[in-house]
């Protein structure tokens, strides 16, 4: 394909697929041509609801020549397998978080893509929303001077109070670090570049939890991962960050605050696409709300940016390199918390990761460019 809208197929018709299908279906520069799922009936139902012409299993959608990007929304343990199959079928791949279940799997997927000259992308793409993009531009414009440090926190009592089947949130590969952490860590890497070293501690508030709603209400289940993780991150750029990821807090909090030589910036929830964004300048006492410019379209912005970049031959922002680095950071935090020893990350290599350029303030997902 050399021009026009980019053909996309969705693999995995679970709950999150509805958000992608609604968002991608509203963009003129992409066309959703297929949807696949292990449950063929579920795939057909989603296709009928959203006007997608092809539904079936993975092989069915990979056989559609016009499909150029596969959006991999399967469960994390299947991410590497599905991505590899799509790459071998000649398709570019954009995957949900985490990039793969382990960094080792991620490296193999990267090698496969490099061998075939194909692109990789990965969620979360919330950092492409208006709130975080406006923050990126404010930092680049020097609104707080030279960034020095960051404090982030995501705190709650966990999802079992509202989720009808929450046990998987407390199994390896999940917990607050791997479930919520990608939103915060992706934002930080987009702001300051790669992480070079981490220190961390971890604790488990309760060994057993109880389902709070739905047909399983009252059932107990085990907690197999740390539910209160604190990390100190050092970035290759010299900025430091302290981050708290907790499912053990009666205080509900979501915050990112950046301190610079000339002021401070309070960012919006990185699991959203909106504001508010607030600035406190040195010598003043009142926070000032800054304008928030950009898209609030929702999940799928990363796929659109990847599609436009594919046509133009330029880098895309929610890249596989960014998603894999965030996965490596989370794995390093988990290892440091378990061992009590710091972990260093390789920020060099053949293609060093750099913070992606902010989207232009007038970037419009609904205006056809291809």
Protein backbone atom coordinates (compact mmCIF):
# COMPACT_ATOMS: atom_id res chain seq x y z
CA UNK A 1 0.00 0.00 0.00
CA UNK A 2 1.38 3.44 -0.93
CA UNK A 3 -1.36 5.93 -0.05
CA UNK A 4 -4.79 6.52 1.38
CA UNK A 5 -6.24 5.28 4.67
CA UNK A 6 -4.35 2.50 6.45
CA UNK A 7 -6.12 -0.83 6.89
CA UNK A 8 -6.31 -2.11 10.47
CA UNK A 9 -7.39 -5.40 12.06
CA UNK A 10 -8.26 -5.86 15.74
CA UNK A 11 -7.22 -9.11 17.43
CA UNK A 12 -9.05 -9.67 20.71
CA UNK A 13 -12.71 -8.70 21.09
CA UNK A 14 -12.75 -8.22 24.86
CA UNK A 15 -13.95 -5.18 26.79
CA UNK A 16 -11.19 -2.81 25.68
CA UNK A 17 -11.87 -3.53 22.00
CA UNK A 18 -15.06 -1.47 22.07
CA UNK A 19 -13.10 1.67 22.92
CA UNK A 20 -10.64 1.08 20.08
CA UNK A 21 -13.39 0.24 17.58
CA UNK A 22 -15.37 3.38 18.39
CA UNK A 23 -12.32 5.64 18.25
CA UNK A 24 -10.64 4.17 15.18
CA UNK A 25 -13.95 4.08 13.34
CA UNK A 26 -14.15 7.86 13.66
CA UNK A 27 -10.74 8.59 12.06
CA UNK A 28 -10.69 9.06 8.26
CA UNK A 29 -7.04 7.99 7.98
CA UNK A 30 -7.61 4.41 9.15
CA UNK A 31 -10.10 1.72 8.15
CA UNK A 32 -10.93 -1.16 10.47
CA UNK A 33 -11.20 -4.12 8.11
CA UNK A 34 -11.25 -7.13 10.43
CA UNK A 35 -11.69 -8.35 13.98
CA UNK A 36 -10.54 -11.70 15.37
CA UNK A 37 -11.06 -13.54 18.64
CA UNK A 38 -10.69 -17.06 20.00
CA UNK A 39 -14.47 -16.86 20.40
CA UNK A 40 -15.59 -16.47 16.79
CA UNK A 41 -19.12 -15.52 17.80
CA UNK A 42 -17.81 -12.67 19.94
CA UNK A 43 -15.74 -11.44 16.99
CA UNK A 44 -18.76 -11.57 14.68
CA UNK A 45 -20.91 -9.69 17.20
CA UNK A 46 -18.32 -6.91 17.55
CA UNK A 47 -17.93 -6.72 13.77
CA UNK A 48 -21.68 -6.40 13.29
CA UNK A 49 -21.96 -3.70 15.93
CA UNK A 50 -19.16 -1.58 14.46
CA UNK A 51 -19.58 -2.28 10.74
CA UNK A 52 -16.35 -4.25 10.33
CA UNK A 53 -16.43 -6.36 7.14
CA UNK A 54 -14.34 -9.39 8.21
CA UNK A 55 -14.61 -11.42 11.44
CA UNK A 56 -13.16 -14.75 12.48
CA UNK A 57 -9.93 -16.19 13.83
CA UNK A 58 -6.41 -14.76 13.64
CA UNK A 59 -5.58 -16.46 10.33
CA UNK A 60 -8.73 -15.02 8.78
CA UNK A 61 -7.83 -11.39 9.43
CA UNK A 62 -4.13 -11.88 8.65
CA UNK A 63 -5.16 -13.12 5.23
CA UNK A 64 -6.77 -9.77 4.36
CA UNK A 65 -4.23 -8.10 2.06
CA UNK A 66 -5.44 -4.58 2.81
CA UNK A 67 -4.71 -4.99 6.52
CA UNK A 68 -1.42 -3.21 7.24
CA UNK A 69 -1.52 -2.82 11.04
CA UNK A 70 -2.68 -5.46 13.51
CA UNK A 71 -3.89 -4.03 16.82
CA UNK A 72 -3.16 -6.72 19.40
CA UNK A 73 -5.70 -6.56 22.25
CA UNK A 74 -5.25 -10.10 23.52
CA UNK A 75 -4.34 -11.01 27.11
CA UNK A 76 -0.72 -10.18 28.04
CA UNK A 77 0.50 -13.79 27.97
CA UNK A 78 -0.57 -14.00 24.31
CA UNK A 79 0.93 -10.68 23.18
CA UNK A 80 4.23 -12.10 21.91
CA UNK A 81 2.63 -15.05 20.10
CA UNK A 82 0.04 -12.92 18.29
CA UNK A 83 2.56 -10.20 17.45
CA UNK A 84 4.99 -12.73 15.99
CA UNK A 85 2.26 -14.32 13.84
CA UNK A 86 1.23 -10.89 12.54
CA UNK A 87 4.81 -9.91 11.75
CA UNK A 88 5.37 -13.17 9.86
CA UNK A 89 2.26 -12.36 7.84
CA UNK A 90 3.87 -9.05 6.85
CA UNK A 91 1.82 -6.80 9.13
CA UNK A 92 2.95 -3.98 11.38
CA UNK A 93 1.84 -4.45 15.00
CA UNK A 94 0.46 -2.15 17.68
CA UNK A 95 -0.13 -3.87 21.04
CA UNK A 96 -1.96 -3.19 24.26
CA UNK A 97 0.00 -2.89 27.50
CA UNK A 98 2.20 -4.48 28.58
CA UNK A 99 4.20 -4.85 25.38
CA UNK A 100 4.80 -8.54 26.15
CA UNK A 101 4.62 -10.63 29.29
CA UNK A 102 8.41 -10.43 29.82
CA UNK A 103 11.28 -8.31 28.47
CA UNK A 104 12.86 -11.43 26.96
CA UNK A 105 9.74 -12.03 24.88
CA UNK A 106 9.76 -8.39 23.88
CA UNK A 107 13.33 -8.62 22.60
CA UNK A 108 12.38 -11.59 20.41
CA UNK A 109 9.43 -9.69 18.94
CA UNK A 110 11.75 -6.76 18.21
CA UNK A 111 14.23 -9.01 16.46
CA UNK A 112 11.42 -10.46 14.32
CA UNK A 113 10.20 -6.98 13.34
CA UNK A 114 13.72 -5.75 12.56
CA UNK A 115 14.40 -8.75 10.36
CA UNK A 116 11.24 -8.04 8.36
CA UNK A 117 11.49 -4.24 8.32
CA UNK A 118 8.14 -3.81 10.09
CA UNK A 119 6.96 -1.29 12.69
CA UNK A 120 6.00 -1.95 16.29
CA UNK A 121 3.87 0.25 18.51
CA UNK A 122 2.44 -0.08 21.97
CA UNK A 123 -0.02 1.28 24.50
CA UNK A 124 -0.66 3.24 26.54
CA UNK A 125 -1.29 6.11 24.17
CA UNK A 126 -2.91 8.29 26.83
CA UNK A 127 0.25 10.43 26.77
CA UNK A 128 -0.83 11.55 23.28
CA UNK A 129 -3.98 13.12 24.74
CA UNK A 130 -4.45 16.84 25.24
CA UNK A 131 -3.48 16.90 28.93
CA UNK A 132 -0.10 15.19 28.82
CA UNK A 133 0.82 16.67 25.42
CA UNK A 134 0.18 20.15 26.79
CA UNK A 135 2.44 19.27 29.72
CA UNK A 136 5.17 18.06 27.37
CA UNK A 137 5.02 21.32 25.45
CA UNK A 138 5.07 23.37 28.68
CA UNK A 139 8.22 21.58 29.85
CA UNK A 140 9.89 21.94 26.42
CA UNK A 141 9.01 25.66 26.41
CA UNK A 142 10.76 26.15 29.75
CA UNK A 143 7.69 27.09 31.78
CA UNK A 144 9.29 25.55 34.90
CA UNK A 145 12.91 26.11 33.89
CA UNK A 146 15.17 23.06 34.07
CA UNK A 147 13.32 19.97 35.36
CA UNK A 148 14.87 18.61 38.55
CA UNK A 149 12.57 15.97 40.02
CA UNK A 150 9.14 14.36 39.83
CA UNK A 151 6.78 12.80 42.36
CA UNK A 152 4.03 10.46 41.14
CA UNK A 153 1.42 8.47 43.01
CA UNK A 154 -1.42 6.15 42.17
CA UNK A 155 -3.23 5.00 45.32
CA UNK A 156 -6.46 3.13 45.96
CA UNK A 157 -7.81 0.09 47.80
CA UNK A 158 -7.64 -1.95 44.60
CA UNK A 159 -10.23 -3.01 42.04
CA UNK A 160 -12.01 -5.80 43.95
CA UNK A 161 -14.62 -3.40 45.29
CA UNK A 162 -16.08 -2.82 41.83
CA UNK A 163 -14.67 -5.52 39.50
CA UNK A 164 -16.75 -8.73 39.41
CA UNK A 165 -13.73 -11.00 38.81
CA UNK A 166 -10.63 -9.22 40.17
CA UNK A 167 -8.31 -12.12 41.03
CA UNK A 168 -6.12 -11.62 37.95
CA UNK A 169 -5.17 -8.12 39.19
CA UNK A 170 -3.26 -9.85 42.00
CA UNK A 171 -1.36 -12.41 39.96
CA UNK A 172 2.18 -12.16 38.53
CA UNK A 173 2.32 -9.63 35.71
CA UNK A 174 -0.36 -7.48 37.33
CA UNK A 175 -0.65 -5.69 40.66
CA UNK A 176 -0.58 -1.88 40.79
CA UNK A 177 2.89 -1.75 39.22
CA UNK A 178 2.11 -3.62 36.00
CA UNK A 179 -1.57 -2.68 35.73
CA UNK A 180 -1.48 1.06 36.45
CA UNK A 181 2.26 1.72 36.28
CA UNK A 182 2.48 1.90 32.46
CA UNK A 183 0.43 5.12 32.37
CA UNK A 184 2.76 6.90 34.78
CA UNK A 185 6.03 5.46 33.52
CA UNK A 186 5.19 6.08 29.85
CA UNK A 187 4.41 9.71 30.70
CA UNK A 188 7.71 10.08 32.56
CA UNK A 189 9.76 8.53 29.75
CA UNK A 190 7.95 10.72 27.20
CA UNK A 191 8.93 13.73 29.32
CA UNK A 192 12.50 12.89 30.29
CA UNK A 193 13.75 10.02 28.15
CA UNK A 194 14.92 6.58 29.30
CA UNK A 195 15.36 5.41 32.89
CA UNK A 196 18.91 4.38 33.76
CA UNK A 197 18.58 3.05 37.33
CA UNK A 198 15.88 2.08 39.82
CA UNK A 199 15.65 1.44 43.55
CA UNK A 200 12.44 -0.03 44.95
CA UNK A 201 10.65 -1.57 47.90
CA UNK A 202 7.51 -3.67 47.89
CA UNK A 203 4.95 -4.89 50.42
CA UNK A 204 1.73 -6.87 50.48
CA UNK A 205 -0.97 -5.39 52.68
CA UNK A 206 -3.20 -8.47 52.72
CA UNK A 207 -2.52 -12.06 51.74
CA UNK A 208 -6.17 -12.67 50.86
CA UNK A 209 -8.77 -10.36 49.32
CA UNK A 210 -12.53 -10.61 48.85
CA UNK A 211 -14.61 -10.01 45.73
CA UNK A 212 -16.93 -7.10 46.46
CA UNK A 213 -19.49 -7.21 43.68
CA UNK A 214 -21.10 -9.43 41.06
CA UNK A 215 -21.85 -13.17 41.14
CA UNK A 216 -18.59 -13.96 42.96
CA UNK A 217 -19.17 -11.41 45.74
CA UNK A 218 -17.86 -12.68 49.06
CA UNK A 219 -15.39 -15.15 47.53
CA UNK A 220 -11.81 -14.97 48.75
CA UNK A 221 -8.76 -15.12 46.50
CA UNK A 222 -4.99 -15.03 47.16
CA UNK A 223 -2.69 -12.07 46.60
CA UNK A 224 0.48 -13.24 44.83
CA UNK A 225 2.21 -9.92 44.09
CA UNK A 226 3.31 -6.81 46.02
CA UNK A 227 0.41 -4.40 46.34
CA UNK A 228 2.36 -1.40 47.65
CA UNK A 229 5.45 -0.56 45.57
CA UNK A 230 7.66 2.49 45.97
CA UNK A 231 10.35 3.27 43.42
CA UNK A 232 13.11 5.83 42.99
CA UNK A 233 13.98 6.33 39.33
CA UNK A 234 17.02 8.00 37.84
CA UNK A 235 16.78 9.06 34.19
CA UNK A 236 19.71 9.22 31.82
CA UNK A 237 18.91 12.93 31.47
CA UNK A 238 19.66 13.45 35.18
CA UNK A 239 16.07 13.95 36.37
CA UNK A 240 14.95 11.82 39.32
CA UNK A 241 11.46 10.60 40.22
CA UNK A 242 9.80 8.99 43.20
CA UNK A 243 6.79 6.83 42.32
CA UNK A 244 4.20 5.08 44.48
CA UNK A 245 1.95 2.32 43.12
CA UNK A 246 -0.51 1.07 45.71
CA UNK A 247 -3.65 -1.05 46.07
CA UNK A 248 -3.37 -0.69 49.87
CA UNK A 249 -4.35 2.92 50.38
CA UNK A 250 -7.63 4.26 51.75
CA UNK A 251 -6.44 7.57 50.32
CA UNK A 252 -7.44 7.68 46.64
CA UNK A 253 -4.85 9.65 44.72
CA UNK A 254 -3.53 10.05 41.22
CA UNK A 255 -0.82 12.66 40.77
CA UNK A 256 2.25 13.71 38.82
CA UNK A 257 4.09 16.81 40.02
CA UNK A 258 7.25 18.08 38.34
CA UNK A 259 9.63 20.46 40.13
CA UNK A 260 11.89 22.68 38.05
CA UNK A 261 14.35 25.49 38.63
CA UNK A 262 11.66 28.11 37.94
CA UNK A 263 8.47 26.47 39.18
CA UNK A 264 6.31 23.38 39.39
CA UNK A 265 3.81 21.68 37.11
CA UNK A 266 0.89 19.49 38.23
CA UNK A 267 -0.19 17.08 35.50
CA UNK A 268 -3.58 15.44 34.96
CA UNK A 269 -4.33 11.75 35.53
CA UNK A 270 -2.15 9.97 32.93
CA UNK A 271 -4.87 7.34 32.43
CA UNK A 272 -7.03 10.01 30.79
CA UNK A 273 -6.71 12.20 27.71
CA UNK A 274 -7.77 15.50 29.29
CA UNK A 275 -6.67 18.13 31.83
CA UNK A 276 -6.36 19.94 34.11
CA UNK A 277 -2.77 21.18 33.90
CA UNK A 278 -1.58 23.60 36.59
CA UNK A 279 1.52 25.79 36.96
CA UNK A 280 3.06 27.26 40.12
CA UNK A 281 5.85 29.75 39.39
CA UNK A 282 8.62 30.43 41.91
CA UNK A 283 7.72 33.37 44.15
CA UNK A 284 3.96 32.96 43.75
CA UNK A 285 1.45 31.22 46.00
CA UNK A 286 -1.40 30.41 43.63
CA UNK A 287 -1.56 27.64 41.05
CA UNK A 288 -2.54 28.85 37.58
CA UNK A 289 -4.43 26.55 35.21
CA UNK A 290 -2.76 26.36 31.79
CA UNK A 291 -4.63 25.90 28.50
CA UNK A 292 -4.99 22.28 27.44
CA UNK A 293 -4.73 21.80 23.67
CA UNK A 294 -4.97 18.57 21.73
CA UNK A 295 -7.16 15.54 21.24
CA UNK A 296 -9.38 13.85 23.79
CA UNK A 297 -10.56 11.22 21.29
CA UNK A 298 -9.49 8.26 23.43
CA UNK A 299 -7.66 4.97 22.93
CA UNK A 300 -6.51 4.58 19.36
CA UNK A 301 -4.55 7.82 19.00
CA UNK A 302 -1.34 5.78 19.02
CA UNK A 303 -2.59 3.61 16.16
CA UNK A 304 -3.53 6.71 14.15
CA UNK A 305 -0.16 8.37 14.73
CA UNK A 306 1.53 5.11 13.72
CA UNK A 307 -0.59 4.91 10.54
CA UNK A 308 0.25 8.47 9.52
CA UNK A 309 3.93 7.92 10.31
CA UNK A 310 3.89 4.71 8.25
CA UNK A 311 2.69 6.59 5.18
CA UNK A 312 5.19 9.41 5.64
CA UNK A 313 8.20 7.35 6.63
CA UNK A 314 8.74 9.22 9.92
CA UNK A 315 8.95 7.93 13.53
CA UNK A 316 5.73 7.34 15.46
CA UNK A 317 5.40 8.35 19.08
CA UNK A 318 3.75 5.40 20.88
CA UNK A 319 6.54 3.21 19.60
CA UNK A 320 7.42 -0.35 20.39
CA UNK A 321 10.77 0.89 21.69
CA UNK A 322 8.99 3.11 24.21
CA UNK A 323 6.60 0.33 25.28
CA UNK A 324 9.43 -2.20 25.67
CA UNK A 325 11.52 0.22 27.71
CA UNK A 326 8.59 0.82 30.06
CA UNK A 327 8.19 -2.96 30.42
CA UNK A 328 11.89 -3.24 31.28
CA UNK A 329 11.57 -0.47 33.85
CA UNK A 330 8.64 -2.26 35.53
CA UNK A 331 10.54 -5.54 35.54
CA UNK A 332 13.56 -3.77 37.06
CA UNK A 333 11.38 -2.19 39.76
CA UNK A 334 9.90 -5.60 40.61
CA UNK A 335 13.37 -7.17 40.78
CA UNK A 336 14.76 -4.34 42.91
CA UNK A 337 11.82 -4.55 45.31
CA UNK A 338 12.33 -8.29 45.74
CA UNK A 339 16.11 -8.23 46.06
CA UNK A 340 16.61 -4.97 47.91
CA UNK A 341 19.33 -4.08 45.41
CA UNK A 342 19.24 -1.38 42.72
CA UNK A 343 18.89 -2.32 39.06
CA UNK A 344 20.56 -0.56 36.16
CA UNK A 345 19.06 -0.40 32.67
CA UNK A 346 20.94 -0.20 29.39
CA UNK A 347 20.02 3.13 27.80
CA UNK A 348 22.55 2.89 24.97
CA UNK A 349 22.49 0.02 22.49
CA UNK A 350 22.24 0.17 18.72
CA UNK A 351 19.27 2.56 18.69
CA UNK A 352 19.09 4.60 21.92
CA UNK A 353 15.58 5.55 23.01
CA UNK A 354 14.81 9.26 23.07
CA UNK A 355 11.71 11.04 24.34
CA UNK A 356 9.19 11.36 21.48
CA UNK A 357 8.50 14.80 20.06
CA UNK A 358 5.21 16.35 21.24
CA UNK A 359 2.34 16.40 18.80
CA UNK A 360 1.75 19.78 17.15
CA UNK A 361 -0.81 21.79 19.11
CA UNK A 362 -3.18 21.73 16.13
CA UNK A 363 -2.89 17.98 15.45
CA UNK A 364 -6.36 16.80 14.45
CA UNK A 365 -7.27 13.09 14.37
CA UNK A 366 -10.50 13.84 12.49
CA UNK A 367 -8.91 15.77 9.60
CA UNK A 368 -7.92 13.49 6.72
CA UNK A 369 -4.20 13.76 5.96
CA UNK A 370 -3.56 10.58 3.96
